[in-house]
Amino acid sequence: MADAAQFWNKIAPKYARDPIKDMESYEITLNKTRGYLRSDHAVLEIGAGTGSTALLLAGECAHINATDLSEKMLEVGRERAWNDGVGNISFEVRSAEDMPDGPYDVVLAHNILHLVEDLPSVLARAHAVLKPGGVLVSKTFVKPMSGLHLEYRVMKLALPIMQFFGKAPFVAFHTRAAFEAAFADAGFEIVESGHFPAGQERLYTVARKT
């Protein structure tokens, strides 16, 4: 965990400067997520990074607790919130496994669940901190189901080398079926799941605590 925090702290300045690679997919994700938020909701975001998503969704809910294991990432988020005059976001250094006690109406886990080493424990903790009927909203890289997907194949070959030299974090390669089964095992019912737009390798999933 310390190594992961060190990695993300190191790349925080570059991460903050880089533009979003797939803006169309990001906008779809935001709009879909807004549909699950209400003005009285308490929201927890894990893997919040520099707070970009929290800042764009803060107006849709009462409060967002934005957590990340990288203090350097969160420093950027705090500065952005201050500059934008957004006062209903708190920023807290925590790993995905160490979610603060709720209860929360919504847990956001955008682009983080494929980066955790123990997915079942993270999902179990998310289930524990949610209110009954609350939802976990995730966007997560999963293995492509068909086609060549040259970029994925190159990444999988290069990743161990990059990790050896500290240039890449841990990445899990879940199949969609295994990923969705993990939600069911943790006590969730999936209410929405799909690739938006079609062909996008990151899977958008909304799961309700039952």
N, C-alpha and C. Protein backbone atom coordinates (compact mmCIF):
# COMPACT_ATOMS: atom_id res chain seq x y z
N MET A 1 0.82 -1.21 0.00
CA MET A 1 0.00 0.00 0.00
C MET A 1 0.86 1.26 0.00
N ALA A 2 1.98 1.19 0.76
CA ALA A 2 2.89 2.33 0.79
C ALA A 2 3.48 2.58 -0.59
N ASP A 3 3.81 1.49 -1.30
CA ASP A 3 4.36 1.62 -2.65
C ASP A 3 3.35 2.27 -3.59
N ALA A 4 2.08 1.88 -3.44
CA ALA A 4 1.04 2.46 -4.29
C ALA A 4 0.89 3.95 -4.01
N ALA A 5 0.88 4.33 -2.75
CA ALA A 5 0.77 5.75 -2.40
C ALA A 5 1.96 6.53 -2.95
N GLN A 6 3.13 5.94 -2.85
CA GLN A 6 4.34 6.60 -3.37
C GLN A 6 4.23 6.80 -4.88
N PHE A 7 3.75 5.79 -5.58
CA PHE A 7 3.60 5.89 -7.03
C PHE A 7 2.67 7.03 -7.41
N TRP A 8 1.48 7.08 -6.78
CA TRP A 8 0.49 8.11 -7.15
C TRP A 8 0.92 9.49 -6.69
N ASN A 9 1.61 9.58 -5.55
CA ASN A 9 2.15 10.87 -5.13
C ASN A 9 3.16 11.41 -6.15
N LYS A 10 3.96 10.51 -6.68
CA LYS A 10 5.02 10.91 -7.62
C LYS A 10 4.43 11.44 -8.92
N ILE A 11 3.36 10.81 -9.41
CA ILE A 11 2.82 11.22 -10.71
C ILE A 11 1.72 12.27 -10.59
N ALA A 12 1.38 12.69 -9.36
CA ALA A 12 0.26 13.62 -9.16
C ALA A 12 0.37 14.89 -10.01
N PRO A 13 1.52 15.57 -10.07
CA PRO A 13 1.58 16.81 -10.88
C PRO A 13 1.26 16.56 -12.35
N LYS A 14 1.83 15.50 -12.93
CA LYS A 14 1.56 15.18 -14.33
C LYS A 14 0.11 14.76 -14.52
N TYR A 15 -0.41 13.95 -13.60
CA TYR A 15 -1.79 13.49 -13.67
C TYR A 15 -2.76 14.68 -13.68
N ALA A 16 -2.46 15.67 -12.85
CA ALA A 16 -3.32 16.85 -12.76
C ALA A 16 -3.29 17.67 -14.04
N ARG A 17 -2.16 17.67 -14.74
CA ARG A 17 -2.03 18.46 -15.98
C ARG A 17 -2.64 17.77 -17.19
N ASP A 18 -2.62 16.45 -17.20
CA ASP A 18 -3.04 15.72 -18.40
C ASP A 18 -4.54 15.86 -18.64
N PRO A 19 -4.95 16.09 -19.88
CA PRO A 19 -6.38 16.17 -20.19
C PRO A 19 -7.03 14.79 -20.14
N ILE A 20 -8.33 14.76 -19.96
CA ILE A 20 -9.06 13.49 -20.00
C ILE A 20 -8.99 12.93 -21.42
N LYS A 21 -8.61 11.66 -21.54
CA LYS A 21 -8.35 11.07 -22.85
C LYS A 21 -9.62 10.84 -23.66
N ASP A 22 -10.67 10.40 -23.00
CA ASP A 22 -11.92 10.07 -23.71
C ASP A 22 -13.05 10.90 -23.10
N MET A 23 -13.17 12.14 -23.57
CA MET A 23 -14.14 13.06 -22.98
C MET A 23 -15.58 12.59 -23.21
N GLU A 24 -15.85 11.98 -24.37
CA GLU A 24 -17.21 11.51 -24.64
C GLU A 24 -17.65 10.48 -23.59
N SER A 25 -16.80 9.51 -23.33
CA SER A 25 -17.12 8.49 -22.34
C SER A 25 -17.25 9.10 -20.94
N TYR A 26 -16.37 10.05 -20.63
CA TYR A 26 -16.41 10.69 -19.31
C TYR A 26 -17.72 11.45 -19.10
N GLU A 27 -18.16 12.17 -20.12
CA GLU A 27 -19.41 12.91 -20.02
C GLU A 27 -20.59 11.98 -19.86
N ILE A 28 -20.58 10.86 -20.57
CA ILE A 28 -21.66 9.87 -20.42
C ILE A 28 -21.68 9.34 -18.99
N THR A 29 -20.49 9.05 -18.46
CA THR A 29 -20.39 8.56 -17.09
C THR A 29 -20.96 9.57 -16.10
N LEU A 30 -20.58 10.83 -16.26
CA LEU A 30 -21.08 11.87 -15.35
C LEU A 30 -22.60 11.98 -15.42
N ASN A 31 -23.14 12.01 -16.62
CA ASN A 31 -24.59 12.18 -16.78
C ASN A 31 -25.35 11.00 -16.20
N LYS A 32 -24.85 9.79 -16.41
CA LYS A 32 -25.51 8.62 -15.84
C LYS A 32 -25.44 8.67 -14.31
N THR A 33 -24.29 9.04 -13.78
CA THR A 33 -24.12 9.09 -12.33
C THR A 33 -25.02 10.15 -11.70
N ARG A 34 -25.19 11.27 -12.37
CA ARG A 34 -26.08 12.32 -11.85
C ARG A 34 -27.49 11.78 -11.61
N GLY A 35 -27.91 10.82 -12.42
CA GLY A 35 -29.24 10.25 -12.27
C GLY A 35 -29.43 9.47 -10.99
N TYR A 36 -28.34 9.12 -10.31
CA TYR A 36 -28.44 8.38 -9.05
C TYR A 36 -28.20 9.26 -7.82
N LEU A 37 -28.02 10.55 -8.03
CA LEU A 37 -27.74 11.46 -6.93
C LEU A 37 -28.95 12.35 -6.64
N ARG A 38 -29.14 12.66 -5.35
CA ARG A 38 -30.19 13.60 -4.93
C ARG A 38 -29.57 14.69 -4.06
N SER A 39 -30.29 15.77 -3.93
CA SER A 39 -29.74 16.93 -3.23
C SER A 39 -29.46 16.68 -1.75
N ASP A 40 -30.10 15.65 -1.16
CA ASP A 40 -29.88 15.35 0.26
C ASP A 40 -28.90 14.19 0.48
N HIS A 41 -28.27 13.73 -0.58
CA HIS A 41 -27.41 12.54 -0.46
C HIS A 41 -26.04 12.84 0.15
N ALA A 42 -25.61 11.91 0.99
CA ALA A 42 -24.23 11.87 1.46
C ALA A 42 -23.48 10.88 0.57
N VAL A 43 -22.40 11.34 -0.03
CA VAL A 43 -21.68 10.55 -1.04
C VAL A 43 -20.24 10.33 -0.60
N LEU A 44 -19.76 9.12 -0.81
CA LEU A 44 -18.36 8.78 -0.60
C LEU A 44 -17.74 8.47 -1.96
N GLU A 45 -16.60 9.09 -2.27
CA GLU A 45 -15.87 8.71 -3.47
C GLU A 45 -14.54 8.10 -3.06
N ILE A 46 -14.26 6.89 -3.55
CA ILE A 46 -12.96 6.27 -3.32
C ILE A 46 -12.13 6.41 -4.59
N GLY A 47 -10.83 6.54 -4.41
CA GLY A 47 -9.98 6.78 -5.57
C GLY A 47 -10.30 8.09 -6.24
N ALA A 48 -10.52 9.12 -5.44
CA ALA A 48 -10.97 10.41 -5.97
C ALA A 48 -9.91 11.15 -6.75
N GLY A 49 -8.64 10.79 -6.56
CA GLY A 49 -7.56 11.45 -7.29
C GLY A 49 -7.52 12.94 -7.02
N THR A 50 -7.50 13.73 -8.07
CA THR A 50 -7.40 15.19 -7.94
C THR A 50 -8.77 15.86 -7.79
N GLY A 51 -9.80 15.07 -7.57
CA GLY A 51 -11.12 15.63 -7.26
C GLY A 51 -11.93 16.10 -8.44
N SER A 52 -11.50 15.79 -9.66
CA SER A 52 -12.20 16.30 -10.84
C SER A 52 -13.67 15.88 -10.86
N THR A 53 -13.92 14.59 -10.63
CA THR A 53 -15.29 14.09 -10.67
C THR A 53 -16.11 14.64 -9.52
N ALA A 54 -15.52 14.67 -8.32
CA ALA A 54 -16.24 15.20 -7.16
C ALA A 54 -16.66 16.64 -7.39
N LEU A 55 -15.78 17.44 -7.98
CA LEU A 55 -16.10 18.85 -8.22
C LEU A 55 -17.26 19.00 -9.20
N LEU A 56 -17.33 18.13 -10.19
CA LEU A 56 -18.39 18.22 -11.18
C LEU A 56 -19.73 17.68 -10.66
N LEU A 57 -19.68 16.85 -9.63
CA LEU A 57 -20.91 16.26 -9.10
C LEU A 57 -21.35 16.89 -7.77
N ALA A 58 -20.55 17.77 -7.23
CA ALA A 58 -20.85 18.33 -5.90
C ALA A 58 -22.18 19.06 -5.86
N GLY A 59 -22.58 19.68 -6.96
CA GLY A 59 -23.84 20.41 -7.00
C GLY A 59 -25.06 19.52 -7.01
N GLU A 60 -24.87 18.21 -7.15
CA GLU A 60 -25.99 17.28 -7.23
C GLU A 60 -26.33 16.63 -5.89
N CYS A 61 -25.54 16.89 -4.84
CA CYS A 61 -25.74 16.19 -3.58
C CYS A 61 -25.43 17.12 -2.41
N ALA A 62 -25.67 16.62 -1.19
CA ALA A 62 -25.43 17.44 0.00
C ALA A 62 -23.95 17.54 0.33
N HIS A 63 -23.24 16.40 0.21
CA HIS A 63 -21.83 16.39 0.58
C HIS A 63 -21.12 15.22 -0.07
N ILE A 64 -19.87 15.42 -0.46
CA ILE A 64 -19.03 14.35 -0.97
C ILE A 64 -17.78 14.25 -0.10
N ASN A 65 -17.52 13.05 0.40
CA ASN A 65 -16.27 12.78 1.08
C ASN A 65 -15.35 12.13 0.05
N ALA A 66 -14.39 12.88 -0.46
CA ALA A 66 -13.50 12.42 -1.52
C ALA A 66 -12.24 11.83 -0.90
N THR A 67 -12.02 10.54 -1.09
CA THR A 67 -10.88 9.87 -0.47
C THR A 67 -9.93 9.32 -1.52
N ASP A 68 -8.66 9.28 -1.16
CA ASP A 68 -7.63 8.72 -2.04
C ASP A 68 -6.42 8.42 -1.17
N LEU A 69 -5.61 7.44 -1.59
CA LEU A 69 -4.43 7.13 -0.78
C LEU A 69 -3.28 8.09 -1.05
N SER A 70 -3.42 8.97 -2.05
CA SER A 70 -2.36 9.91 -2.39
C SER A 70 -2.66 11.30 -1.84
N GLU A 71 -1.86 11.74 -0.89
CA GLU A 71 -2.01 13.09 -0.34
C GLU A 71 -1.75 14.14 -1.41
N LYS A 72 -0.79 13.88 -2.29
CA LYS A 72 -0.45 14.85 -3.34
C LYS A 72 -1.62 15.04 -4.31
N MET A 73 -2.32 13.98 -4.63
CA MET A 73 -3.50 14.09 -5.47
C MET A 73 -4.56 14.95 -4.79
N LEU A 74 -4.80 14.66 -3.52
CA LEU A 74 -5.84 15.38 -2.80
C LEU A 74 -5.49 16.86 -2.60
N GLU A 75 -4.21 17.17 -2.50
CA GLU A 75 -3.81 18.58 -2.40
C GLU A 75 -4.29 19.35 -3.62
N VAL A 76 -4.19 18.75 -4.79
CA VAL A 76 -4.69 19.39 -6.01
C VAL A 76 -6.19 19.58 -5.91
N GLY A 77 -6.90 18.56 -5.43
CA GLY A 77 -8.34 18.65 -5.29
C GLY A 77 -8.78 19.75 -4.33
N ARG A 78 -8.09 19.85 -3.20
CA ARG A 78 -8.43 20.90 -2.23
C ARG A 78 -8.24 22.29 -2.84
N GLU A 79 -7.16 22.46 -3.57
CA GLU A 79 -6.90 23.76 -4.20
C GLU A 79 -7.97 24.08 -5.24
N ARG A 80 -8.35 23.09 -6.03
CA ARG A 80 -9.38 23.31 -7.04
C ARG A 80 -10.72 23.65 -6.41
N ALA A 81 -11.06 22.95 -5.33
CA ALA A 81 -12.33 23.23 -4.64
C ALA A 81 -12.32 24.65 -4.07
N TRP A 82 -11.21 25.04 -3.50
CA TRP A 82 -11.08 26.40 -2.96
C TRP A 82 -11.22 27.44 -4.07
N ASN A 83 -10.54 27.21 -5.17
CA ASN A 83 -10.59 28.17 -6.28
C ASN A 83 -11.97 28.26 -6.90
N ASP A 84 -12.69 27.15 -6.92
CA ASP A 84 -14.02 27.12 -7.52
C ASP A 84 -15.12 27.49 -6.53
N GLY A 85 -14.77 27.71 -5.28
CA GLY A 85 -15.77 28.07 -4.27
C GLY A 85 -16.71 26.94 -3.92
N VAL A 86 -16.23 25.71 -4.03
CA VAL A 86 -17.05 24.53 -3.71
C VAL A 86 -16.77 24.13 -2.27
N GLY A 87 -17.80 24.19 -1.43
CA GLY A 87 -17.59 23.98 -0.01
C GLY A 87 -18.16 22.68 0.54
N ASN A 88 -18.78 21.86 -0.30
CA ASN A 88 -19.41 20.64 0.23
C ASN A 88 -18.63 19.37 -0.14
N ILE A 89 -17.31 19.53 -0.32
CA ILE A 89 -16.43 18.37 -0.51
C ILE A 89 -15.38 18.37 0.58
N SER A 90 -15.22 17.23 1.23
CA SER A 90 -14.10 17.04 2.15
C SER A 90 -13.12 16.07 1.50
N PHE A 91 -11.83 16.26 1.77
CA PHE A 91 -10.80 15.43 1.17
C PHE A 91 -10.04 14.71 2.28
N GLU A 92 -9.92 13.39 2.14
CA GLU A 92 -9.36 12.58 3.22
C GLU A 92 -8.46 11.49 2.64
N VAL A 93 -7.26 11.35 3.22
CA VAL A 93 -6.34 10.32 2.76
C VAL A 93 -6.76 8.97 3.34
N ARG A 94 -7.20 8.09 2.44
CA ARG A 94 -7.59 6.73 2.82
C ARG A 94 -7.45 5.84 1.60
N SER A 95 -7.13 4.59 1.85
CA SER A 95 -7.11 3.62 0.76
C SER A 95 -8.54 3.18 0.47
N ALA A 96 -8.72 2.51 -0.67
CA ALA A 96 -10.05 2.02 -1.02
C ALA A 96 -10.56 1.02 0.00
N GLU A 97 -9.65 0.24 0.59
CA GLU A 97 -10.05 -0.76 1.57
C GLU A 97 -10.47 -0.12 2.90
N ASP A 98 -9.98 1.07 3.15
CA ASP A 98 -10.19 1.74 4.45
C ASP A 98 -11.23 2.85 4.32
N MET A 99 -12.41 2.49 3.87
CA MET A 99 -13.47 3.50 3.72
C MET A 99 -13.96 3.96 5.09
N PRO A 100 -14.21 5.26 5.24
CA PRO A 100 -14.75 5.77 6.51
C PRO A 100 -16.15 5.25 6.75
N ASP A 101 -16.50 5.16 8.02
CA ASP A 101 -17.84 4.71 8.38
C ASP A 101 -18.89 5.64 7.78
N GLY A 102 -19.98 5.08 7.37
CA GLY A 102 -21.09 5.86 6.81
C GLY A 102 -22.08 6.24 7.89
N PRO A 103 -23.36 6.19 7.58
CA PRO A 103 -23.82 5.58 6.33
C PRO A 103 -23.85 6.58 5.18
N TYR A 104 -23.63 6.07 3.97
CA TYR A 104 -23.67 6.88 2.76
C TYR A 104 -24.82 6.41 1.86
N ASP A 105 -25.35 7.35 1.11
CA ASP A 105 -26.37 7.01 0.12
C ASP A 105 -25.76 6.43 -1.14
N VAL A 106 -24.58 6.94 -1.50
CA VAL A 106 -23.91 6.52 -2.74
C VAL A 106 -22.42 6.41 -2.47
N VAL A 107 -21.81 5.36 -3.01
CA VAL A 107 -20.35 5.25 -3.06
C VAL A 107 -19.94 5.29 -4.52
N LEU A 108 -19.05 6.21 -4.85
CA LEU A 108 -18.52 6.33 -6.21
C LEU A 108 -17.16 5.66 -6.28
N ALA A 109 -16.96 4.83 -7.30
CA ALA A 109 -15.68 4.13 -7.48
C ALA A 109 -15.32 4.16 -8.95
N HIS A 110 -15.01 5.35 -9.44
CA HIS A 110 -14.70 5.53 -10.85
C HIS A 110 -13.21 5.29 -11.11
N ASN A 111 -12.91 4.31 -11.96
CA ASN A 111 -11.54 4.03 -12.39
C ASN A 111 -10.61 3.66 -11.23
N ILE A 112 -11.13 2.85 -10.31
CA ILE A 112 -10.33 2.46 -9.15
C ILE A 112 -10.38 0.96 -8.86
N LEU A 113 -11.49 0.28 -9.13
CA LEU A 113 -11.64 -1.10 -8.67
C LEU A 113 -10.70 -2.08 -9.38
N HIS A 114 -10.22 -1.75 -10.57
CA HIS A 114 -9.24 -2.62 -11.22
C HIS A 114 -7.82 -2.36 -10.69
N LEU A 115 -7.70 -1.37 -9.82
CA LEU A 115 -6.39 -1.04 -9.23
C LEU A 115 -6.24 -1.56 -7.81
N VAL A 116 -7.28 -2.19 -7.26
CA VAL A 116 -7.19 -2.73 -5.90
C VAL A 116 -6.81 -4.20 -5.96
N GLU A 117 -6.05 -4.64 -4.97
CA GLU A 117 -5.56 -6.02 -4.97
C GLU A 117 -6.56 -7.00 -4.38
N ASP A 118 -7.47 -6.51 -3.55
CA ASP A 118 -8.45 -7.41 -2.91
C ASP A 118 -9.85 -6.86 -3.18
N LEU A 119 -10.37 -7.15 -4.38
CA LEU A 119 -11.68 -6.64 -4.76
C LEU A 119 -12.79 -7.09 -3.82
N PRO A 120 -12.86 -8.35 -3.40
CA PRO A 120 -13.94 -8.76 -2.50
C PRO A 120 -14.00 -7.95 -1.21
N SER A 121 -12.85 -7.64 -0.62
CA SER A 121 -12.86 -6.89 0.64
C SER A 121 -13.31 -5.45 0.41
N VAL A 122 -12.95 -4.87 -0.72
CA VAL A 122 -13.38 -3.50 -1.02
C VAL A 122 -14.88 -3.46 -1.23
N LEU A 123 -15.42 -4.42 -1.96
CA LEU A 123 -16.86 -4.46 -2.19
C LEU A 123 -17.61 -4.73 -0.89
N ALA A 124 -17.06 -5.57 -0.04
CA ALA A 124 -17.70 -5.85 1.25
C ALA A 124 -17.73 -4.60 2.11
N ARG A 125 -16.65 -3.83 2.09
CA ARG A 125 -16.60 -2.60 2.88
C ARG A 125 -17.57 -1.56 2.33
N ALA A 126 -17.66 -1.47 1.00
CA ALA A 126 -18.62 -0.54 0.39
C ALA A 126 -20.04 -0.91 0.80
N HIS A 127 -20.34 -2.19 0.81
CA HIS A 127 -21.67 -2.66 1.23
C HIS A 127 -21.94 -2.26 2.67
N ALA A 128 -20.92 -2.35 3.52
CA ALA A 128 -21.07 -2.05 4.95
C ALA A 128 -21.35 -0.57 5.20
N VAL A 129 -20.74 0.32 4.41
CA VAL A 129 -20.87 1.76 4.69
C VAL A 129 -22.08 2.38 4.00
N LEU A 130 -22.74 1.63 3.12
CA LEU A 130 -23.92 2.14 2.44
C LEU A 130 -25.18 1.96 3.28
N LYS A 131 -26.11 2.89 3.13
CA LYS A 131 -27.43 2.72 3.71
C LYS A 131 -28.17 1.60 2.97
N PRO A 132 -29.15 0.96 3.60
CA PRO A 132 -29.97 0.00 2.87
C PRO A 132 -30.59 0.66 1.63
N GLY A 133 -30.43 0.02 0.49
CA GLY A 133 -30.92 0.60 -0.76
C GLY A 133 -29.95 1.55 -1.42
N GLY A 134 -28.82 1.83 -0.77
CA GLY A 134 -27.82 2.70 -1.36
C GLY A 134 -27.13 2.03 -2.54
N VAL A 135 -26.43 2.83 -3.35
CA VAL A 135 -25.83 2.27 -4.56
C VAL A 135 -24.33 2.53 -4.62
N LEU A 136 -23.64 1.56 -5.21
CA LEU A 136 -22.23 1.68 -5.54
C LEU A 136 -22.15 1.89 -7.05
N VAL A 137 -21.53 3.01 -7.45
CA VAL A 137 -21.42 3.34 -8.87
C VAL A 137 -19.96 3.20 -9.27
N SER A 138 -19.71 2.33 -10.24
CA SER A 138 -18.34 2.02 -10.63
C SER A 138 -18.15 2.17 -12.12
N LYS A 139 -16.95 2.60 -12.50
CA LYS A 139 -16.50 2.49 -13.88
C LYS A 139 -15.13 1.85 -13.83
N THR A 140 -14.99 0.67 -14.43
CA THR A 140 -13.83 -0.17 -14.18
C THR A 140 -13.35 -0.85 -15.45
N PHE A 141 -12.05 -0.88 -15.63
CA PHE A 141 -11.48 -1.62 -16.75
C PHE A 141 -11.72 -3.11 -16.57
N VAL A 142 -12.24 -3.77 -17.62
CA VAL A 142 -12.37 -5.22 -17.63
C VAL A 142 -11.77 -5.75 -18.93
N LYS A 143 -11.48 -7.04 -18.94
CA LYS A 143 -10.91 -7.66 -20.14
C LYS A 143 -11.87 -7.50 -21.32
N PRO A 144 -11.35 -7.14 -22.49
CA PRO A 144 -12.21 -7.10 -23.68
C PRO A 144 -12.80 -8.49 -23.94
N MET A 145 -14.05 -8.51 -24.36
CA MET A 145 -14.74 -9.79 -24.55
C MET A 145 -14.47 -10.40 -25.91
N SER A 146 -14.14 -9.59 -26.90
CA SER A 146 -13.92 -10.11 -28.24
C SER A 146 -13.04 -9.15 -29.02
N GLY A 147 -12.56 -9.60 -30.18
CA GLY A 147 -11.76 -8.74 -31.03
C GLY A 147 -10.28 -8.77 -30.64
N LEU A 148 -9.48 -8.11 -31.45
CA LEU A 148 -8.03 -8.13 -31.23
C LEU A 148 -7.60 -7.23 -30.07
N HIS A 149 -8.19 -6.01 -30.01
CA HIS A 149 -7.87 -5.06 -28.94
C HIS A 149 -6.36 -4.96 -28.75
N LEU A 150 -5.69 -4.49 -29.80
CA LEU A 150 -4.23 -4.43 -29.82
C LEU A 150 -3.68 -3.64 -28.64
N GLU A 151 -4.34 -2.52 -28.30
CA GLU A 151 -3.85 -1.69 -27.19
C GLU A 151 -3.84 -2.47 -25.88
N TYR A 152 -4.89 -3.28 -25.66
CA TYR A 152 -4.96 -4.10 -24.44
C TYR A 152 -3.84 -5.13 -24.42
N ARG A 153 -3.59 -5.78 -25.55
CA ARG A 153 -2.56 -6.81 -25.61
C ARG A 153 -1.17 -6.22 -25.36
N VAL A 154 -0.91 -5.06 -25.95
CA VAL A 154 0.38 -4.40 -25.75
C VAL A 154 0.54 -4.01 -24.28
N MET A 155 -0.53 -3.47 -23.69
CA MET A 155 -0.48 -3.06 -22.29
C MET A 155 -0.19 -4.24 -21.38
N LYS A 156 -0.84 -5.37 -21.64
CA LYS A 156 -0.65 -6.52 -20.77
C LYS A 156 0.78 -7.05 -20.85
N LEU A 157 1.38 -6.96 -22.03
CA LEU A 157 2.76 -7.39 -22.18
C LEU A 157 3.74 -6.42 -21.52
N ALA A 158 3.46 -5.13 -21.64
CA ALA A 158 4.38 -4.12 -21.13
C ALA A 158 4.24 -3.88 -19.63
N LEU A 159 3.07 -4.17 -19.08
CA LEU A 159 2.78 -3.81 -17.69
C LEU A 159 3.78 -4.39 -16.68
N PRO A 160 4.11 -5.68 -16.75
CA PRO A 160 5.07 -6.21 -15.75
C PRO A 160 6.42 -5.49 -15.78
N ILE A 161 6.87 -5.13 -16.96
CA ILE A 161 8.15 -4.41 -17.06
C ILE A 161 8.03 -3.03 -16.43
N MET A 162 6.94 -2.33 -16.75
CA MET A 162 6.72 -1.00 -16.19
C MET A 162 6.58 -1.06 -14.67
N GLN A 163 5.89 -2.09 -14.17
CA GLN A 163 5.74 -2.23 -12.73
C GLN A 163 7.09 -2.50 -12.05
N PHE A 164 7.93 -3.29 -12.69
CA PHE A 164 9.24 -3.60 -12.13
C PHE A 164 10.07 -2.35 -11.91
N PHE A 165 9.94 -1.38 -12.84
CA PHE A 165 10.70 -0.14 -12.74
C PHE A 165 9.91 0.98 -12.04
N GLY A 166 8.77 0.62 -11.43
CA GLY A 166 7.99 1.60 -10.69
C GLY A 166 7.25 2.60 -11.55
N LYS A 167 7.00 2.23 -12.81
CA LYS A 167 6.34 3.14 -13.75
C LYS A 167 4.86 2.85 -13.94
N ALA A 168 4.35 1.84 -13.24
CA ALA A 168 2.93 1.49 -13.37
C ALA A 168 2.45 0.88 -12.06
N PRO A 169 1.17 1.05 -11.72
CA PRO A 169 0.63 0.49 -10.49
C PRO A 169 0.15 -0.95 -10.71
N PHE A 170 -0.33 -1.57 -9.65
CA PHE A 170 -0.99 -2.86 -9.76
C PHE A 170 -2.25 -2.69 -10.61
N VAL A 171 -2.50 -3.65 -11.49
CA VAL A 171 -3.72 -3.65 -12.29
C VAL A 171 -4.28 -5.07 -12.33
N ALA A 172 -5.56 -5.23 -12.00
CA ALA A 172 -6.22 -6.53 -12.08
C ALA A 172 -6.94 -6.64 -13.42
N PHE A 173 -6.92 -7.85 -13.99
CA PHE A 173 -7.59 -8.08 -15.27
C PHE A 173 -8.79 -8.99 -15.04
N HIS A 174 -9.90 -8.37 -14.61
CA HIS A 174 -11.12 -9.12 -14.37
C HIS A 174 -11.90 -9.31 -15.67
N THR A 175 -12.54 -10.46 -15.82
CA THR A 175 -13.55 -10.57 -16.87
C THR A 175 -14.82 -9.89 -16.38
N ARG A 176 -15.67 -9.52 -17.30
CA ARG A 176 -16.93 -8.89 -16.90
C ARG A 176 -17.74 -9.82 -16.02
N ALA A 177 -17.80 -11.10 -16.40
CA ALA A 177 -18.59 -12.07 -15.63
C ALA A 177 -18.06 -12.20 -14.20
N ALA A 178 -16.75 -12.29 -14.05
CA ALA A 178 -16.17 -12.43 -12.71
C ALA A 178 -16.35 -11.17 -11.89
N PHE A 179 -16.23 -10.02 -12.55
CA PHE A 179 -16.40 -8.74 -11.87
C PHE A 179 -17.82 -8.61 -11.33
N GLU A 180 -18.81 -8.90 -12.17
CA GLU A 180 -20.19 -8.78 -11.74
C GLU A 180 -20.53 -9.83 -10.68
N ALA A 181 -19.94 -11.01 -10.76
CA ALA A 181 -20.17 -12.04 -9.75
C ALA A 181 -19.66 -11.59 -8.39
N ALA A 182 -18.57 -10.82 -8.38
CA ALA A 182 -18.02 -10.32 -7.11
C ALA A 182 -19.00 -9.38 -6.42
N PHE A 183 -19.74 -8.61 -7.19
CA PHE A 183 -20.77 -7.73 -6.62
C PHE A 183 -21.85 -8.57 -5.95
N ALA A 184 -22.31 -9.60 -6.64
CA ALA A 184 -23.35 -10.46 -6.08
C ALA A 184 -22.87 -11.13 -4.79
N ASP A 185 -21.61 -11.59 -4.79
CA ASP A 185 -21.06 -12.23 -3.60
C ASP A 185 -21.00 -11.28 -2.41
N ALA A 186 -20.85 -9.98 -2.69
CA ALA A 186 -20.77 -8.97 -1.62
C ALA A 186 -22.15 -8.50 -1.15
N GLY A 187 -23.20 -9.00 -1.77
CA GLY A 187 -24.55 -8.63 -1.33
C GLY A 187 -25.20 -7.53 -2.13
N PHE A 188 -24.69 -7.28 -3.34
CA PHE A 188 -25.25 -6.25 -4.20
C PHE A 188 -26.12 -6.86 -5.29
N GLU A 189 -27.08 -6.08 -5.73
CA GLU A 189 -27.87 -6.41 -6.92
C GLU A 189 -27.52 -5.40 -8.00
N ILE A 190 -27.06 -5.87 -9.15
CA ILE A 190 -26.69 -4.97 -10.24
C ILE A 190 -27.95 -4.46 -10.92
N VAL A 191 -28.07 -3.13 -10.98
CA VAL A 191 -29.26 -2.52 -11.58
C VAL A 191 -28.95 -1.90 -12.94
N GLU A 192 -27.66 -1.70 -13.24
CA GLU A 192 -27.26 -1.20 -14.55
C GLU A 192 -25.81 -1.60 -14.80
N SER A 193 -25.54 -2.07 -16.01
CA SER A 193 -24.18 -2.46 -16.35
C SER A 193 -24.01 -2.42 -17.85
N GLY A 194 -22.96 -1.76 -18.31
CA GLY A 194 -22.73 -1.69 -19.75
C GLY A 194 -21.53 -0.86 -20.11
N HIS A 195 -21.15 -0.95 -21.37
CA HIS A 195 -20.04 -0.16 -21.91
C HIS A 195 -20.62 1.04 -22.65
N PHE A 196 -20.31 2.22 -22.19
CA PHE A 196 -20.88 3.45 -22.77
C PHE A 196 -19.75 4.42 -23.11
N PRO A 197 -19.57 4.73 -24.42
CA PRO A 197 -20.28 4.18 -25.56
C PRO A 197 -19.89 2.74 -25.83
N ALA A 198 -20.61 2.07 -26.73
CA ALA A 198 -20.34 0.68 -27.05
C ALA A 198 -18.89 0.53 -27.52
N GLY A 199 -18.24 -0.53 -27.06
CA GLY A 199 -16.85 -0.76 -27.42
C GLY A 199 -15.86 -0.22 -26.42
N GLN A 200 -16.32 0.61 -25.51
CA GLN A 200 -15.45 1.16 -24.47
C GLN A 200 -15.05 0.03 -23.52
N GLU A 201 -13.76 -0.05 -23.17
CA GLU A 201 -13.29 -1.18 -22.36
C GLU A 201 -13.63 -1.04 -20.88
N ARG A 202 -13.96 0.15 -20.45
CA ARG A 202 -14.31 0.33 -19.04
C ARG A 202 -15.81 0.11 -18.87
N LEU A 203 -16.14 -0.71 -17.89
CA LEU A 203 -17.52 -1.14 -17.65
C LEU A 203 -18.16 -0.24 -16.61
N TYR A 204 -19.29 0.35 -16.97
CA TYR A 204 -20.06 1.18 -16.03
C TYR A 204 -21.06 0.28 -15.31
N THR A 205 -21.00 0.28 -13.99
CA THR A 205 -21.83 -0.63 -13.19
C THR A 205 -22.46 0.14 -12.05
N VAL A 206 -23.76 -0.07 -11.85
CA VAL A 206 -24.45 0.45 -10.68
C VAL A 206 -25.05 -0.74 -9.93
N ALA A 207 -24.69 -0.87 -8.65
CA ALA A 207 -25.14 -1.99 -7.85
C ALA A 207 -25.80 -1.48 -6.57
N ARG A 208 -26.96 -2.07 -6.26
CA ARG A 208 -27.72 -1.62 -5.09
C ARG A 208 -27.51 -2.58 -3.92
N LYS A 209 -27.37 -1.99 -2.73
CA LYS A 209 -27.26 -2.79 -1.51
C LYS A 209 -28.62 -3.42 -1.20
N THR A 210 -28.65 -4.73 -1.11
CA THR A 210 -29.91 -5.42 -0.85
C THR A 210 -29.96 -5.90 0.59
